[in-house]
Amino acid sequence: VYMEPRALGLEPLFKSWIESQPPAVEAHKEKLEMLFHALVPRSLAFTHKKLSELVPSTPNSLTLSLFRLMDALLTHLRTYDAASLSKLSEETLEHQSNIITPTFVFSIV
């Protein structure tokens, strides 16, 4: 069954993206989900209502661009599998947690 991308909404895109992430990123799923729901709809509304685009875009394509930027900026976390993640120091884990929000905000802008 074919559905228009707009009919699907953005939630399936987020779920698909978060499930494809390594354990080091997936460990921050709740924070990423909160950021996604708090910032993405408002940012998309602002983009389409207040900005003029040289090339028209769709909410799905802008959201996928956000995820691609996140993937690129979090490549260093892809080196940790579940076993090595449990061996990291508390300081390293805290650092990883602290970079999630700024990385998300940078990617959405």
PDB file of N, CA and C in Angstrom:
ATOM      1  N   VAL A   1       0.858  -1.162   0.000  1.00  0.00           N
ATOM      2  CA  VAL A   1       0.000   0.000   0.000  1.00  0.00           C
ATOM      3  C   VAL A   1       0.903   1.224   0.000  1.00  0.00           C
ATOM      4  N   TYR A   2       0.661   2.104  -0.944  1.00  0.00           N
ATOM      5  CA  TYR A   2       1.443   3.320  -1.042  1.00  0.00           C
ATOM      6  C   TYR A   2       0.775   4.426  -0.254  1.00  0.00           C
ATOM      7  N   MET A   3       1.578   5.152   0.501  1.00  0.00           N
ATOM      8  CA  MET A   3       1.077   6.318   1.234  1.00  0.00           C
ATOM      9  C   MET A   3       1.935   7.512   0.868  1.00  0.00           C
ATOM     10  N   GLU A   4       1.314   8.653   0.758  1.00  0.00           N
ATOM     11  CA  GLU A   4       2.042   9.881   0.524  1.00  0.00           C
ATOM     12  C   GLU A   4       2.978  10.126   1.712  1.00  0.00           C
ATOM     13  N   PRO A   5       4.187  10.614   1.459  1.00  0.00           N
ATOM     14  CA  PRO A   5       5.104  10.887   2.571  1.00  0.00           C
ATOM     15  C   PRO A   5       4.527  11.833   3.620  1.00  0.00           C
ATOM     16  N   ARG A   6       3.752  12.817   3.192  1.00  0.00           N
ATOM     17  CA  ARG A   6       3.143  13.742   4.158  1.00  0.00           C
ATOM     18  C   ARG A   6       2.142  13.035   5.057  1.00  0.00           C
ATOM     19  N   ALA A   7       1.482  12.011   4.528  1.00  0.00           N
ATOM     20  CA  ALA A   7       0.494  11.278   5.317  1.00  0.00           C
ATOM     21  C   ALA A   7       1.152  10.461   6.428  1.00  0.00           C
ATOM     22  N   LEU A   8       2.376  10.028   6.196  1.00  0.00           N
ATOM     23  CA  LEU A   8       3.096   9.254   7.206  1.00  0.00           C
ATOM     24  C   LEU A   8       3.482  10.107   8.405  1.00  0.00           C
ATOM     25  N   GLY A   9       3.853  11.334   8.155  1.00  0.00           N
ATOM     26  CA  GLY A   9       4.348  12.190   9.225  1.00  0.00           C
ATOM     27  C   GLY A   9       5.829  11.953   9.455  1.00  0.00           C
ATOM     28  N   LEU A  10       6.330  12.507  10.529  1.00  0.00           N
ATOM     29  CA  LEU A  10       7.769  12.458  10.810  1.00  0.00           C
ATOM     30  C   LEU A  10       8.153  11.361  11.793  1.00  0.00           C
ATOM     31  N   GLU A  11       7.202  10.887  12.560  1.00  0.00           N
ATOM     32  CA  GLU A  11       7.497   9.880  13.592  1.00  0.00           C
ATOM     33  C   GLU A  11       8.138   8.609  13.023  1.00  0.00           C
ATOM     34  N   PRO A  12       7.650   8.043  11.900  1.00  0.00           N
ATOM     35  CA  PRO A  12       8.314   6.859  11.352  1.00  0.00           C
ATOM     36  C   PRO A  12       9.764   7.126  10.943  1.00  0.00           C
ATOM     37  N   LEU A  13      10.041   8.336  10.494  1.00  0.00           N
ATOM     38  CA  LEU A  13      11.424   8.679  10.146  1.00  0.00           C
ATOM     39  C   LEU A  13      12.312   8.642  11.378  1.00  0.00           C
ATOM     40  N   PHE A  14      11.827   9.217  12.470  1.00  0.00           N
ATOM     41  CA  PHE A  14      12.603   9.219  13.708  1.00  0.00           C
ATOM     42  C   PHE A  14      12.817   7.799  14.218  1.00  0.00           C
ATOM     43  N   LYS A  15      11.756   7.014  14.245  1.00  0.00           N
ATOM     44  CA  LYS A  15      11.876   5.641  14.762  1.00  0.00           C
ATOM     45  C   LYS A  15      12.850   4.815  13.926  1.00  0.00           C
ATOM     46  N   SER A  16      12.770   4.973  12.632  1.00  0.00           N
ATOM     47  CA  SER A  16      13.682   4.254  11.747  1.00  0.00           C
ATOM     48  C   SER A  16      15.122   4.684  11.984  1.00  0.00           C
ATOM     49  N   TRP A  17      15.327   5.980  12.139  1.00  0.00           N
ATOM     50  CA  TRP A  17      16.684   6.500  12.349  1.00  0.00           C
ATOM     51  C   TRP A  17      17.246   6.035  13.689  1.00  0.00           C
ATOM     52  N   ILE A  18      16.476   6.149  14.753  1.00  0.00           N
ATOM     53  CA  ILE A  18      16.992   5.803  16.082  1.00  0.00           C
ATOM     54  C   ILE A  18      17.284   4.312  16.183  1.00  0.00           C
ATOM     55  N   GLU A  19      16.510   3.494  15.498  1.00  0.00           N
ATOM     56  CA  GLU A  19      16.754   2.048  15.529  1.00  0.00           C
ATOM     57  C   GLU A  19      18.007   1.656  14.750  1.00  0.00           C
ATOM     58  N   SER A  20      18.454   2.518  13.859  1.00  0.00           N
ATOM     59  CA  SER A  20      19.650   2.230  13.073  1.00  0.00           C
ATOM     60  C   SER A  20      20.927   2.714  13.753  1.00  0.00           C
ATOM     61  N   GLN A  21      20.785   3.318  14.921  1.00  0.00           N
ATOM     62  CA  GLN A  21      21.934   3.895  15.601  1.00  0.00           C
ATOM     63  C   GLN A  21      22.685   2.874  16.443  1.00  0.00           C
ATOM     64  N   PRO A  22      23.983   3.100  16.637  1.00  0.00           N
ATOM     65  CA  PRO A  22      24.763   2.201  17.498  1.00  0.00           C
ATOM     66  C   PRO A  22      24.356   2.391  18.957  1.00  0.00           C
ATOM     67  N   PRO A  23      24.755   1.459  19.808  1.00  0.00           N
ATOM     68  CA  PRO A  23      24.358   1.529  21.219  1.00  0.00           C
ATOM     69  C   PRO A  23      24.735   2.841  21.909  1.00  0.00           C
ATOM     70  N   ALA A  24      25.853   3.448  21.543  1.00  0.00           N
ATOM     71  CA  ALA A  24      26.282   4.685  22.197  1.00  0.00           C
ATOM     72  C   ALA A  24      25.327   5.839  21.914  1.00  0.00           C
ATOM     73  N   VAL A  25      24.690   5.832  20.776  1.00  0.00           N
ATOM     74  CA  VAL A  25      23.709   6.867  20.445  1.00  0.00           C
ATOM     75  C   VAL A  25      22.336   6.453  20.942  1.00  0.00           C
ATOM     76  N   GLU A  26      21.997   5.202  20.775  1.00  0.00           N
ATOM     77  CA  GLU A  26      20.694   4.708  21.190  1.00  0.00           C
ATOM     78  C   GLU A  26      20.499   4.818  22.702  1.00  0.00           C
ATOM     79  N   ALA A  27      21.609   4.883  23.448  1.00  0.00           N
ATOM     80  CA  ALA A  27      21.525   5.054  24.894  1.00  0.00           C
ATOM     81  C   ALA A  27      20.878   6.393  25.261  1.00  0.00           C
ATOM     82  N   HIS A  28      20.875   7.323  24.339  1.00  0.00           N
ATOM     83  CA  HIS A  28      20.296   8.652  24.561  1.00  0.00           C
ATOM     84  C   HIS A  28      18.958   8.806  23.845  1.00  0.00           C
ATOM     85  N   LYS A  29      18.281   7.702  23.643  1.00  0.00           N
ATOM     86  CA  LYS A  29      17.033   7.693  22.877  1.00  0.00           C
ATOM     87  C   LYS A  29      15.987   8.636  23.466  1.00  0.00           C
ATOM     88  N   GLU A  30      15.806   8.616  24.774  1.00  0.00           N
ATOM     89  CA  GLU A  30      14.784   9.456  25.399  1.00  0.00           C
ATOM     90  C   GLU A  30      15.094  10.936  25.182  1.00  0.00           C
ATOM     91  N   LYS A  31      16.352  11.311  25.351  1.00  0.00           N
ATOM     92  CA  LYS A  31      16.738  12.705  25.153  1.00  0.00           C
ATOM     93  C   LYS A  31      16.547  13.119  23.699  1.00  0.00           C
ATOM     94  N   LEU A  32      16.941  12.266  22.776  1.00  0.00           N
ATOM     95  CA  LEU A  32      16.774  12.567  21.362  1.00  0.00           C
ATOM     96  C   LEU A  32      15.304  12.658  20.979  1.00  0.00           C
ATOM     97  N   GLU A  33      14.499  11.775  21.544  1.00  0.00           N
ATOM     98  CA  GLU A  33      13.063  11.806  21.254  1.00  0.00           C
ATOM     99  C   GLU A  33      12.433  13.099  21.779  1.00  0.00           C
ATOM    100  N   MET A  34      12.834  13.518  22.970  1.00  0.00           N
ATOM    101  CA  MET A  34      12.323  14.761  23.536  1.00  0.00           C
ATOM    102  C   MET A  34      12.736  15.945  22.671  1.00  0.00           C
ATOM    103  N   LEU A  35      13.992  15.984  22.247  1.00  0.00           N
ATOM    104  CA  LEU A  35      14.470  17.065  21.384  1.00  0.00           C
ATOM    105  C   LEU A  35      13.737  17.061  20.049  1.00  0.00           C
ATOM    106  N   PHE A  36      13.541  15.880  19.500  1.00  0.00           N
ATOM    107  CA  PHE A  36      12.860  15.752  18.221  1.00  0.00           C
ATOM    108  C   PHE A  36      11.450  16.335  18.303  1.00  0.00           C
ATOM    109  N   HIS A  37      10.696  15.923  19.307  1.00  0.00           N
ATOM    110  CA  HIS A  37       9.306  16.371  19.429  1.00  0.00           C
ATOM    111  C   HIS A  37       9.208  17.850  19.820  1.00  0.00           C
ATOM    112  N   ALA A  38      10.187  18.343  20.549  1.00  0.00           N
ATOM    113  CA  ALA A  38      10.149  19.738  20.977  1.00  0.00           C
ATOM    114  C   ALA A  38      10.598  20.707  19.882  1.00  0.00           C
ATOM    115  N   LEU A  39      11.574  20.307  19.070  1.00  0.00           N
ATOM    116  CA  LEU A  39      12.176  21.254  18.142  1.00  0.00           C
ATOM    117  C   LEU A  39      11.811  21.085  16.680  1.00  0.00           C
ATOM    118  N   VAL A  40      11.656  19.867  16.226  1.00  0.00           N
ATOM    119  CA  VAL A  40      11.471  19.642  14.786  1.00  0.00           C
ATOM    120  C   VAL A  40      10.167  20.237  14.255  1.00  0.00           C
ATOM    121  N   PRO A  41       9.013  19.968  14.850  1.00  0.00           N
ATOM    122  CA  PRO A  41       7.784  20.547  14.284  1.00  0.00           C
ATOM    123  C   PRO A  41       7.801  22.070  14.243  1.00  0.00           C
ATOM    124  N   ARG A  42       8.306  22.694  15.301  1.00  0.00           N
ATOM    125  CA  ARG A  42       8.374  24.156  15.342  1.00  0.00           C
ATOM    126  C   ARG A  42       9.367  24.697  14.321  1.00  0.00           C
ATOM    127  N   SER A  43      10.476  24.028  14.181  1.00  0.00           N
ATOM    128  CA  SER A  43      11.478  24.468  13.209  1.00  0.00           C
ATOM    129  C   SER A  43      10.958  24.352  11.782  1.00  0.00           C
ATOM    130  N   LEU A  44      10.268  23.268  11.503  1.00  0.00           N
ATOM    131  CA  LEU A  44       9.700  23.096  10.168  1.00  0.00           C
ATOM    132  C   LEU A  44       8.621  24.139   9.888  1.00  0.00           C
ATOM    133  N   ALA A  45       7.783  24.411  10.871  1.00  0.00           N
ATOM    134  CA  ALA A  45       6.749  25.430  10.700  1.00  0.00           C
ATOM    135  C   ALA A  45       7.381  26.797  10.457  1.00  0.00           C
ATOM    136  N   PHE A  46       8.408  27.113  11.219  1.00  0.00           N
ATOM    137  CA  PHE A  46       9.104  28.387  11.039  1.00  0.00           C
ATOM    138  C   PHE A  46       9.729  28.472   9.649  1.00  0.00           C
ATOM    139  N   THR A  47      10.372  27.398   9.226  1.00  0.00           N
ATOM    140  CA  THR A  47      11.029  27.378   7.920  1.00  0.00           C
ATOM    141  C   THR A  47      10.040  27.625   6.796  1.00  0.00           C
ATOM    142  N   HIS A  48       8.905  26.988   6.857  1.00  0.00           N
ATOM    143  CA  HIS A  48       7.943  27.096   5.756  1.00  0.00           C
ATOM    144  C   HIS A  48       7.090  28.366   5.813  1.00  0.00           C
ATOM    145  N   LYS A  49       6.924  28.937   7.000  1.00  0.00           N
ATOM    146  CA  LYS A  49       6.074  30.124   7.113  1.00  0.00           C
ATOM    147  C   LYS A  49       6.854  31.434   7.078  1.00  0.00           C
ATOM    148  N   LYS A  50       8.047  31.447   7.644  1.00  0.00           N
ATOM    149  CA  LYS A  50       8.772  32.700   7.820  1.00  0.00           C
ATOM    150  C   LYS A  50       9.960  32.884   6.887  1.00  0.00           C
ATOM    151  N   LEU A  51      10.456  31.823   6.293  1.00  0.00           N
ATOM    152  CA  LEU A  51      11.634  31.920   5.439  1.00  0.00           C
ATOM    153  C   LEU A  51      11.244  31.701   3.984  1.00  0.00           C
ATOM    154  N   SER A  52      12.005  32.321   3.103  1.00  0.00           N
ATOM    155  CA  SER A  52      11.774  32.051   1.684  1.00  0.00           C
ATOM    156  C   SER A  52      12.859  31.092   1.213  1.00  0.00           C
ATOM    157  N   GLU A  53      12.441  30.038   0.568  1.00  0.00           N
ATOM    158  CA  GLU A  53      13.363  29.009   0.103  1.00  0.00           C
ATOM    159  C   GLU A  53      13.597  29.176  -1.392  1.00  0.00           C
ATOM    160  N   LEU A  54      14.854  29.108  -1.792  1.00  0.00           N
ATOM    161  CA  LEU A  54      15.159  29.166  -3.216  1.00  0.00           C
ATOM    162  C   LEU A  54      14.688  27.902  -3.917  1.00  0.00           C
ATOM    163  N   VAL A  55      14.854  26.788  -3.219  1.00  0.00           N
ATOM    164  CA  VAL A  55      14.386  25.504  -3.734  1.00  0.00           C
ATOM    165  C   VAL A  55      13.382  24.961  -2.718  1.00  0.00           C
ATOM    166  N   PRO A  56      12.152  24.735  -3.121  1.00  0.00           N
ATOM    167  CA  PRO A  56      11.156  24.239  -2.166  1.00  0.00           C
ATOM    168  C   PRO A  56      11.586  22.904  -1.547  1.00  0.00           C
ATOM    169  N   SER A  57      11.269  22.743  -0.277  1.00  0.00           N
ATOM    170  CA  SER A  57      11.616  21.509   0.427  1.00  0.00           C
ATOM    171  C   SER A  57      10.373  20.949   1.097  1.00  0.00           C
ATOM    172  N   THR A  58      10.482  19.709   1.497  1.00  0.00           N
ATOM    173  CA  THR A  58       9.382  19.066   2.216  1.00  0.00           C
ATOM    174  C   THR A  58       9.831  18.788   3.649  1.00  0.00           C
ATOM    175  N   PRO A  59       8.900  18.663   4.559  1.00  0.00           N
ATOM    176  CA  PRO A  59       9.272  18.346   5.941  1.00  0.00           C
ATOM    177  C   PRO A  59      10.093  17.051   6.047  1.00  0.00           C
ATOM    178  N   ASN A  60       9.731  16.047   5.261  1.00  0.00           N
ATOM    179  CA  ASN A  60      10.476  14.777   5.314  1.00  0.00           C
ATOM    180  C   ASN A  60      11.915  14.951   4.873  1.00  0.00           C
ATOM    181  N   SER A  61      12.144  15.699   3.813  1.00  0.00           N
ATOM    182  CA  SER A  61      13.518  15.864   3.331  1.00  0.00           C
ATOM    183  C   SER A  61      14.360  16.676   4.312  1.00  0.00           C
ATOM    184  N   LEU A  62      13.770  17.685   4.941  1.00  0.00           N
ATOM    185  CA  LEU A  62      14.514  18.458   5.939  1.00  0.00           C
ATOM    186  C   LEU A  62      14.823  17.614   7.174  1.00  0.00           C
ATOM    187  N   THR A  63      13.888  16.775   7.546  1.00  0.00           N
ATOM    188  CA  THR A  63      14.109  15.893   8.695  1.00  0.00           C
ATOM    189  C   THR A  63      15.204  14.869   8.398  1.00  0.00           C
ATOM    190  N   LEU A  64      15.192  14.315   7.204  1.00  0.00           N
ATOM    191  CA  LEU A  64      16.256  13.375   6.820  1.00  0.00           C
ATOM    192  C   LEU A  64      17.614  14.068   6.783  1.00  0.00           C
ATOM    193  N   SER A  65      17.644  15.327   6.381  1.00  0.00           N
ATOM    194  CA  SER A  65      18.897  16.085   6.404  1.00  0.00           C
ATOM    195  C   SER A  65      19.400  16.258   7.830  1.00  0.00           C
ATOM    196  N   LEU A  66      18.494  16.504   8.751  1.00  0.00           N
ATOM    197  CA  LEU A  66      18.853  16.584  10.169  1.00  0.00           C
ATOM    198  C   LEU A  66      19.515  15.293  10.623  1.00  0.00           C
ATOM    199  N   PHE A  67      18.917  14.159  10.269  1.00  0.00           N
ATOM    200  CA  PHE A  67      19.465  12.871  10.688  1.00  0.00           C
ATOM    201  C   PHE A  67      20.825  12.595  10.037  1.00  0.00           C
ATOM    202  N   ARG A  68      20.996  12.983   8.812  1.00  0.00           N
ATOM    203  CA  ARG A  68      22.292  12.782   8.142  1.00  0.00           C
ATOM    204  C   ARG A  68      23.388  13.611   8.811  1.00  0.00           C
ATOM    205  N   LEU A  69      23.061  14.841   9.182  1.00  0.00           N
ATOM    206  CA  LEU A  69      24.033  15.669   9.907  1.00  0.00           C
ATOM    207  C   LEU A  69      24.359  15.054  11.262  1.00  0.00           C
ATOM    208  N   MET A  70      23.345  14.575  11.958  1.00  0.00           N
ATOM    209  CA  MET A  70      23.585  13.931  13.246  1.00  0.00           C
ATOM    210  C   MET A  70      24.512  12.726  13.075  1.00  0.00           C
ATOM    211  N   ASP A  71      24.256  11.919  12.065  1.00  0.00           N
ATOM    212  CA  ASP A  71      25.112  10.755  11.804  1.00  0.00           C
ATOM    213  C   ASP A  71      26.551  11.188  11.568  1.00  0.00           C
ATOM    214  N   ALA A  72      26.737  12.232  10.793  1.00  0.00           N
ATOM    215  CA  ALA A  72      28.086  12.697  10.481  1.00  0.00           C
ATOM    216  C   ALA A  72      28.789  13.241  11.720  1.00  0.00           C
ATOM    217  N   LEU A  73      28.067  13.964  12.546  1.00  0.00           N
ATOM    218  CA  LEU A  73      28.679  14.581  13.722  1.00  0.00           C
ATOM    219  C   LEU A  73      28.890  13.597  14.877  1.00  0.00           C
ATOM    220  N   LEU A  74      28.187  12.494  14.844  1.00  0.00           N
ATOM    221  CA  LEU A  74      28.327  11.497  15.917  1.00  0.00           C
ATOM    222  C   LEU A  74      29.077  10.248  15.474  1.00  0.00           C
ATOM    223  N   THR A  75      29.869  10.359  14.414  1.00  0.00           N
ATOM    224  CA  THR A  75      30.600   9.186  13.928  1.00  0.00           C
ATOM    225  C   THR A  75      31.549   8.618  14.981  1.00  0.00           C
ATOM    226  N   HIS A  76      32.098   9.473  15.831  1.00  0.00           N
ATOM    227  CA  HIS A  76      33.019   8.967  16.856  1.00  0.00           C
ATOM    228  C   HIS A  76      32.315   8.023  17.839  1.00  0.00           C
ATOM    229  N   LEU A  77      31.003   8.128  17.974  1.00  0.00           N
ATOM    230  CA  LEU A  77      30.276   7.227  18.872  1.00  0.00           C
ATOM    231  C   LEU A  77      30.012   5.871  18.234  1.00  0.00           C
ATOM    232  N   ARG A  78      30.187   5.759  16.941  1.00  0.00           N
ATOM    233  CA  ARG A  78      29.947   4.486  16.254  1.00  0.00           C
ATOM    234  C   ARG A  78      31.023   3.449  16.583  1.00  0.00           C
ATOM    235  N   THR A  79      32.125   3.870  17.172  1.00  0.00           N
ATOM    236  CA  THR A  79      33.205   2.941  17.485  1.00  0.00           C
ATOM    237  C   THR A  79      32.913   2.101  18.738  1.00  0.00           C
ATOM    238  N   TYR A  80      31.885   2.486  19.499  1.00  0.00           N
ATOM    239  CA  TYR A  80      31.562   1.780  20.736  1.00  0.00           C
ATOM    240  C   TYR A  80      30.441   0.779  20.510  1.00  0.00           C
ATOM    241  N   ASP A  81      30.737  -0.478  20.785  1.00  0.00           N
ATOM    242  CA  ASP A  81      29.665  -1.469  20.773  1.00  0.00           C
ATOM    243  C   ASP A  81      29.140  -1.597  22.203  1.00  0.00           C
ATOM    244  N   ALA A  82      28.185  -2.449  22.423  1.00  0.00           N
ATOM    245  CA  ALA A  82      27.556  -2.568  23.746  1.00  0.00           C
ATOM    246  C   ALA A  82      28.574  -2.975  24.818  1.00  0.00           C
ATOM    247  N   ALA A  83      29.496  -3.867  24.483  1.00  0.00           N
ATOM    248  CA  ALA A  83      30.476  -4.333  25.462  1.00  0.00           C
ATOM    249  C   ALA A  83      31.459  -3.225  25.849  1.00  0.00           C
ATOM    250  N   SER A  84      31.976  -2.499  24.849  1.00  0.00           N
ATOM    251  CA  SER A  84      32.946  -1.450  25.163  1.00  0.00           C
ATOM    252  C   SER A  84      32.271  -0.245  25.801  1.00  0.00           C
ATOM    253  N   LEU A  85      31.004  -0.047  25.535  1.00  0.00           N
ATOM    254  CA  LEU A  85      30.271   1.062  26.135  1.00  0.00           C
ATOM    255  C   LEU A  85      30.152   0.890  27.643  1.00  0.00           C
ATOM    256  N   SER A  86      29.987  -0.337  28.088  1.00  0.00           N
ATOM    257  CA  SER A  86      29.850  -0.586  29.523  1.00  0.00           C
ATOM    258  C   SER A  86      31.168  -0.411  30.270  1.00  0.00           C
ATOM    259  N   LYS A  87      32.279  -0.388  29.552  1.00  0.00           N
ATOM    260  CA  LYS A  87      33.593  -0.246  30.185  1.00  0.00           C
ATOM    261  C   LYS A  87      34.076   1.199  30.239  1.00  0.00           C
ATOM    262  N   LEU A  88      33.316   2.122  29.664  1.00  0.00           N
ATOM    263  CA  LEU A  88      33.736   3.516  29.636  1.00  0.00           C
ATOM    264  C   LEU A  88      33.616   4.151  31.014  1.00  0.00           C
ATOM    265  N   SER A  89      34.470   5.126  31.260  1.00  0.00           N
ATOM    266  CA  SER A  89      34.429   5.829  32.544  1.00  0.00           C
ATOM    267  C   SER A  89      33.173   6.694  32.620  1.00  0.00           C
ATOM    268  N   GLU A  90      32.824   7.037  33.827  1.00  0.00           N
ATOM    269  CA  GLU A  90      31.642   7.891  34.056  1.00  0.00           C
ATOM    270  C   GLU A  90      31.830   9.260  33.385  1.00  0.00           C
ATOM    271  N   GLU A  91      33.054   9.741  33.396  1.00  0.00           N
ATOM    272  CA  GLU A  91      33.353  11.039  32.770  1.00  0.00           C
ATOM    273  C   GLU A  91      33.123  10.998  31.256  1.00  0.00           C
ATOM    274  N   THR A  92      33.533   9.928  30.617  1.00  0.00           N
ATOM    275  CA  THR A  92      33.332   9.777  29.173  1.00  0.00           C
ATOM    276  C   THR A  92      31.858   9.656  28.837  1.00  0.00           C
ATOM    277  N   LEU A  93      31.128   8.892  29.636  1.00  0.00           N
ATOM    278  CA  LEU A  93      29.692   8.754  29.410  1.00  0.00           C
ATOM    279  C   LEU A  93      28.972  10.083  29.597  1.00  0.00           C
ATOM    280  N   GLU A  94      29.397  10.856  30.583  1.00  0.00           N
ATOM    281  CA  GLU A  94      28.793  12.171  30.814  1.00  0.00           C
ATOM    282  C   GLU A  94      29.101  13.109  29.651  1.00  0.00           C
ATOM    283  N   HIS A  95      30.324  13.043  29.147  1.00  0.00           N
ATOM    284  CA  HIS A  95      30.697  13.870  27.988  1.00  0.00           C
ATOM    285  C   HIS A  95      29.819  13.516  26.785  1.00  0.00           C
ATOM    286  N   GLN A  96      29.628  12.244  26.553  1.00  0.00           N
ATOM    287  CA  GLN A  96      28.775  11.818  25.434  1.00  0.00           C
ATOM    288  C   GLN A  96      27.360  12.343  25.607  1.00  0.00           C
ATOM    289  N   SER A  97      26.848  12.287  26.811  1.00  0.00           N
ATOM    290  CA  SER A  97      25.502  12.782  27.081  1.00  0.00           C
ATOM    291  C   SER A  97      25.421  14.286  26.873  1.00  0.00           C
ATOM    292  N   ASN A  98      26.477  14.991  27.239  1.00  0.00           N
ATOM    293  CA  ASN A  98      26.482  16.448  27.125  1.00  0.00           C
ATOM    294  C   ASN A  98      26.566  16.949  25.690  1.00  0.00           C
ATOM    295  N   ILE A  99      27.053  16.145  24.771  1.00  0.00           N
ATOM    296  CA  ILE A  99      27.174  16.621  23.388  1.00  0.00           C
ATOM    297  C   ILE A  99      25.929  16.342  22.545  1.00  0.00           C
ATOM    298  N   ILE A 100      25.010  15.552  23.051  1.00  0.00           N
ATOM    299  CA  ILE A 100      23.823  15.196  22.267  1.00  0.00           C
ATOM    300  C   ILE A 100      22.968  16.424  21.956  1.00  0.00           C
ATOM    301  N   THR A 101      22.625  17.215  22.960  1.00  0.00           N
ATOM    302  CA  THR A 101      21.753  18.372  22.743  1.00  0.00           C
ATOM    303  C   THR A 101      22.383  19.408  21.830  1.00  0.00           C
ATOM    304  N   PRO A 102      23.627  19.847  22.072  1.00  0.00           N
ATOM    305  CA  PRO A 102      24.207  20.818  21.135  1.00  0.00           C
ATOM    306  C   PRO A 102      24.346  20.294  19.710  1.00  0.00           C
ATOM    307  N   THR A 103      24.634  19.017  19.572  1.00  0.00           N
ATOM    308  CA  THR A 103      24.755  18.427  18.239  1.00  0.00           C
ATOM    309  C   THR A 103      23.407  18.432  17.534  1.00  0.00           C
ATOM    310  N   PHE A 104      22.350  18.126  18.264  1.00  0.00           N
ATOM    311  CA  PHE A 104      21.005  18.123  17.682  1.00  0.00           C
ATOM    312  C   PHE A 104      20.617  19.535  17.258  1.00  0.00           C
ATOM    313  N   VAL A 105      20.856  20.507  18.128  1.00  0.00           N
ATOM    314  CA  VAL A 105      20.509  21.893  17.802  1.00  0.00           C
ATOM    315  C   VAL A 105      21.313  22.385  16.619  1.00  0.00           C
ATOM    316  N   PHE A 106      22.595  22.084  16.558  1.00  0.00           N
ATOM    317  CA  PHE A 106      23.416  22.469  15.420  1.00  0.00           C
ATOM    318  C   PHE A 106      22.884  21.837  14.131  1.00  0.00           C
ATOM    319  N   SER A 107      22.499  20.592  14.197  1.00  0.00           N
ATOM    320  CA  SER A 107      22.023  19.878  13.022  1.00  0.00           C
ATOM    321  C   SER A 107      20.680  20.406  12.531  1.00  0.00           C
ATOM    322  N   ILE A 108      19.865  20.856  13.425  1.00  0.00           N
ATOM    323  CA  ILE A 108      18.543  21.344  13.021  1.00  0.00           C
ATOM    324  C   ILE A 108      18.613  22.729  12.407  1.00  0.00           C
ATOM    325  N   VAL A 109      19.626  23.484  12.787  1.00  0.00           N
ATOM    326  CA  VAL A 109      19.768  24.828  12.230  1.00  0.00           C
ATOM    327  C   VAL A 109      20.375  24.725  10.863  1.00  0.00           C
TER     328      VAL A 109
END
